[in-house]
Amino acid sequence: MSSTLTRTRGMLLCGLLAALVTVAVASVAHAASSHRATSAATRTSVCTLKTFDLTPTAIRGEDFGVLNCARPFGRGVQHNTSVLSPTSATTGTLKGSSTLFFARGTVRARFALNYTISGSTIRFAGAAKVTGGTGTFKGVTGTGTLAGSSTDAGAHSLITERVKLKLP
């Protein structure tokens, strides 16, 4: 039973972290796009991310998701890879990287999330750092906060992210 619980927790954590990273990257890209259209000021953006984790119980995870951000960023997709580090049967961290794909370019980010497991529900929160991009988002930098949850042991997650970003 403890290996099943550990596996379920791992799945939840990987899915949750990937979702958070995706949201952070999407938010940064959206903010960067808005920023270029106006001025060089720092912008804040909010995005939602729905993810699917290919192997939610794996220590090294991979997930994909669908992004929905305010204009001018719009909709996109993301890909995350991560490493799960449990600190107990119900807590741990998830660290990894994300690439967000939009019609006008990509955004790359790194993230670190803390998670807590209760039954089949995983809640996670943490930070992301935007490390670059391509196309319209070339040279983007920024930071973000991520928060979300999964109610099916990490297979699917819903994440909200607030990001502050700058474009050169």
Protein backbone atom coordinates (compact mmCIF):
# COMPACT_ATOMS: atom_id res chain seq x y z
CA MET A 1 0.00 0.00 0.00
CA SER A 2 2.85 2.43 0.73
CA SER A 3 4.34 1.92 -2.75
CA THR A 4 0.91 2.65 -4.27
CA LEU A 5 0.65 5.80 -2.15
CA THR A 6 4.18 6.86 -3.12
CA ARG A 7 3.42 6.20 -6.78
CA THR A 8 0.13 8.15 -6.58
CA ARG A 9 1.86 11.05 -4.87
CA GLY A 10 4.62 11.05 -7.45
CA MET A 11 2.07 11.15 -10.26
CA LEU A 12 0.21 14.01 -8.66
CA LEU A 13 3.37 15.97 -8.04
CA CYS A 14 4.75 15.59 -11.56
CA GLY A 15 1.46 16.59 -13.16
CA LEU A 16 1.06 19.53 -10.84
CA LEU A 17 4.56 20.86 -11.32
CA ALA A 18 4.39 20.59 -15.05
CA ALA A 19 1.15 22.49 -15.05
CA LEU A 20 2.57 25.23 -12.91
CA VAL A 21 5.61 25.66 -15.06
CA THR A 22 3.48 25.84 -18.15
CA VAL A 23 1.26 28.50 -16.64
CA ALA A 24 4.26 30.55 -15.59
CA VAL A 25 5.82 30.42 -19.02
CA ALA A 26 2.54 31.29 -20.72
CA SER A 27 2.01 34.22 -18.40
CA VAL A 28 5.48 35.52 -19.12
CA ALA A 29 5.02 35.21 -22.86
CA HIS A 30 1.68 36.98 -22.68
CA ALA A 31 3.14 39.78 -20.62
CA ALA A 32 6.07 40.11 -22.99
CA SER A 33 3.75 40.37 -25.98
CA SER A 34 1.67 43.05 -24.28
CA HIS A 35 4.83 44.83 -23.19
CA ARG A 36 6.24 45.10 -26.72
CA ALA A 37 3.01 46.54 -28.01
CA THR A 38 3.12 49.33 -25.43
CA SER A 39 6.40 50.18 -23.70
CA ALA A 40 9.44 48.69 -21.97
CA ALA A 41 7.67 48.59 -18.62
CA THR A 42 7.25 45.38 -16.63
CA ARG A 43 3.89 43.68 -17.23
CA THR A 44 1.82 41.26 -15.18
CA SER A 45 -0.28 38.54 -16.80
CA VAL A 46 -2.47 35.63 -15.69
CA CYS A 47 -2.87 32.34 -17.57
CA THR A 48 -4.54 29.01 -16.92
CA LEU A 49 -3.03 25.68 -17.86
CA LYS A 50 -4.63 22.25 -18.15
CA THR A 51 -2.07 19.44 -18.24
CA PHE A 52 -1.87 15.71 -18.90
CA ASP A 53 1.04 13.81 -17.35
CA LEU A 54 2.33 10.87 -19.40
CA THR A 55 3.77 9.07 -16.36
CA PRO A 56 2.41 10.70 -13.18
CA THR A 57 4.16 8.27 -10.83
CA ALA A 58 7.64 8.59 -12.35
CA ILE A 59 10.46 10.43 -10.57
CA ARG A 60 11.43 11.95 -13.94
CA GLY A 61 8.20 13.25 -15.44
CA GLU A 62 6.95 14.66 -18.70
CA ASP A 63 3.66 16.36 -19.41
CA PHE A 64 1.83 18.38 -22.02
CA GLY A 65 -0.84 21.02 -21.61
CA VAL A 66 -3.17 23.56 -23.14
CA LEU A 67 -2.72 27.25 -22.24
CA ASN A 68 -5.35 29.98 -22.20
CA CYS A 69 -4.05 33.52 -21.74
CA ALA A 70 -5.53 36.98 -22.19
CA ARG A 71 -4.87 38.88 -25.44
CA PRO A 72 -2.58 39.44 -27.18
CA PHE A 73 -0.95 36.17 -26.16
CA GLY A 74 -3.98 33.94 -26.59
CA ARG A 75 -3.97 30.17 -26.65
CA GLY A 76 -1.02 27.83 -26.89
CA VAL A 77 0.41 24.49 -25.83
CA GLN A 78 3.24 23.58 -23.51
CA HIS A 79 5.70 20.78 -22.80
CA ASN A 80 7.29 20.23 -19.37
CA THR A 81 9.96 17.92 -18.01
CA SER A 82 10.56 17.59 -14.29
CA VAL A 83 12.17 15.71 -11.42
CA LEU A 84 10.16 14.79 -8.33
CA SER A 85 11.85 14.89 -4.91
CA PRO A 86 9.59 13.58 -2.12
CA THR A 87 10.47 14.75 1.42
CA SER A 88 7.79 12.60 3.08
CA ALA A 89 4.87 10.39 2.05
CA THR A 90 2.70 13.49 1.52
CA THR A 91 5.10 16.34 0.66
CA GLY A 92 7.98 17.19 -1.62
CA THR A 93 9.25 19.37 -4.44
CA LEU A 94 9.03 19.26 -8.20
CA LYS A 95 11.66 21.04 -10.31
CA GLY A 96 11.87 21.27 -14.06
CA SER A 97 11.69 23.23 -17.27
CA SER A 98 8.93 24.25 -19.67
CA THR A 99 8.57 25.35 -23.25
CA LEU A 100 5.41 27.21 -24.23
CA PHE A 101 4.45 27.30 -27.89
CA PHE A 102 2.37 30.15 -29.32
CA ALA A 103 1.55 31.34 -32.83
CA ARG A 104 4.17 34.11 -32.59
CA GLY A 105 6.99 32.31 -30.79
CA THR A 106 8.03 30.23 -27.81
CA VAL A 107 8.86 30.95 -24.17
CA ARG A 108 11.22 28.90 -21.97
CA ALA A 109 11.12 28.76 -18.17
CA ARG A 110 12.39 26.86 -15.14
CA PHE A 111 10.18 26.12 -12.13
CA ALA A 112 10.25 24.77 -8.58
CA LEU A 113 7.06 23.73 -6.79
CA ASN A 114 6.24 22.44 -3.35
CA TYR A 115 3.41 19.92 -3.15
CA THR A 116 1.15 18.34 -0.56
CA ILE A 117 -0.88 15.16 -1.08
CA SER A 118 -4.16 14.37 0.65
CA GLY A 119 -5.86 11.23 -0.67
CA SER A 120 -6.02 11.55 -4.47
CA THR A 121 -5.74 15.36 -4.34
CA ILE A 122 -2.42 17.10 -4.85
CA ARG A 123 -2.00 20.82 -4.21
CA PHE A 124 1.10 22.64 -5.38
CA ALA A 125 2.58 26.11 -5.39
CA GLY A 126 5.90 27.66 -6.26
CA ALA A 127 7.89 29.95 -8.50
CA ALA A 128 9.05 30.10 -12.09
CA LYS A 129 11.78 32.01 -13.88
CA VAL A 130 11.45 32.90 -17.56
CA THR A 131 14.79 32.22 -19.25
CA GLY A 132 14.18 33.21 -22.88
CA GLY A 133 12.14 32.80 -25.98
CA THR A 134 11.94 32.95 -29.77
CA GLY A 135 10.01 35.02 -32.30
CA THR A 136 8.01 37.83 -30.67
CA PHE A 137 9.26 36.64 -27.28
CA LYS A 138 12.99 36.70 -28.06
CA GLY A 139 14.92 38.06 -25.07
CA VAL A 140 11.99 37.85 -22.64
CA THR A 141 12.80 37.58 -18.93
CA GLY A 142 10.60 37.44 -15.87
CA THR A 143 9.36 35.69 -12.76
CA GLY A 144 6.10 34.09 -11.78
CA THR A 145 4.11 32.38 -9.06
CA LEU A 146 2.20 29.18 -9.69
CA ALA A 147 -0.64 27.49 -7.83
CA GLY A 148 -2.85 24.56 -8.75
CA SER A 149 -4.15 21.12 -7.99
CA SER A 150 -4.93 17.68 -9.32
CA THR A 151 -7.80 15.49 -8.12
CA ASP A 152 -6.74 12.31 -9.95
CA ALA A 153 -3.27 11.65 -8.48
CA GLY A 154 -1.46 13.93 -10.92
CA ALA A 155 -2.69 12.60 -14.25
CA HIS A 156 -4.51 15.90 -14.96
CA SER A 157 -3.84 19.27 -13.34
CA LEU A 158 -5.28 22.79 -13.45
CA ILE A 159 -2.83 25.61 -12.75
CA THR A 160 -3.06 29.40 -12.46
CA GLU A 161 -0.01 31.60 -12.77
CA ARG A 162 0.78 35.26 -12.25
CA VAL A 163 3.86 36.42 -14.12
CA LYS A 164 5.87 39.64 -14.29
CA LEU A 165 7.98 39.91 -17.43
CA LYS A 166 10.09 42.20 -19.57
CA LEU A 167 10.99 42.17 -23.24
CA PRO A 168 14.15 43.94 -24.42
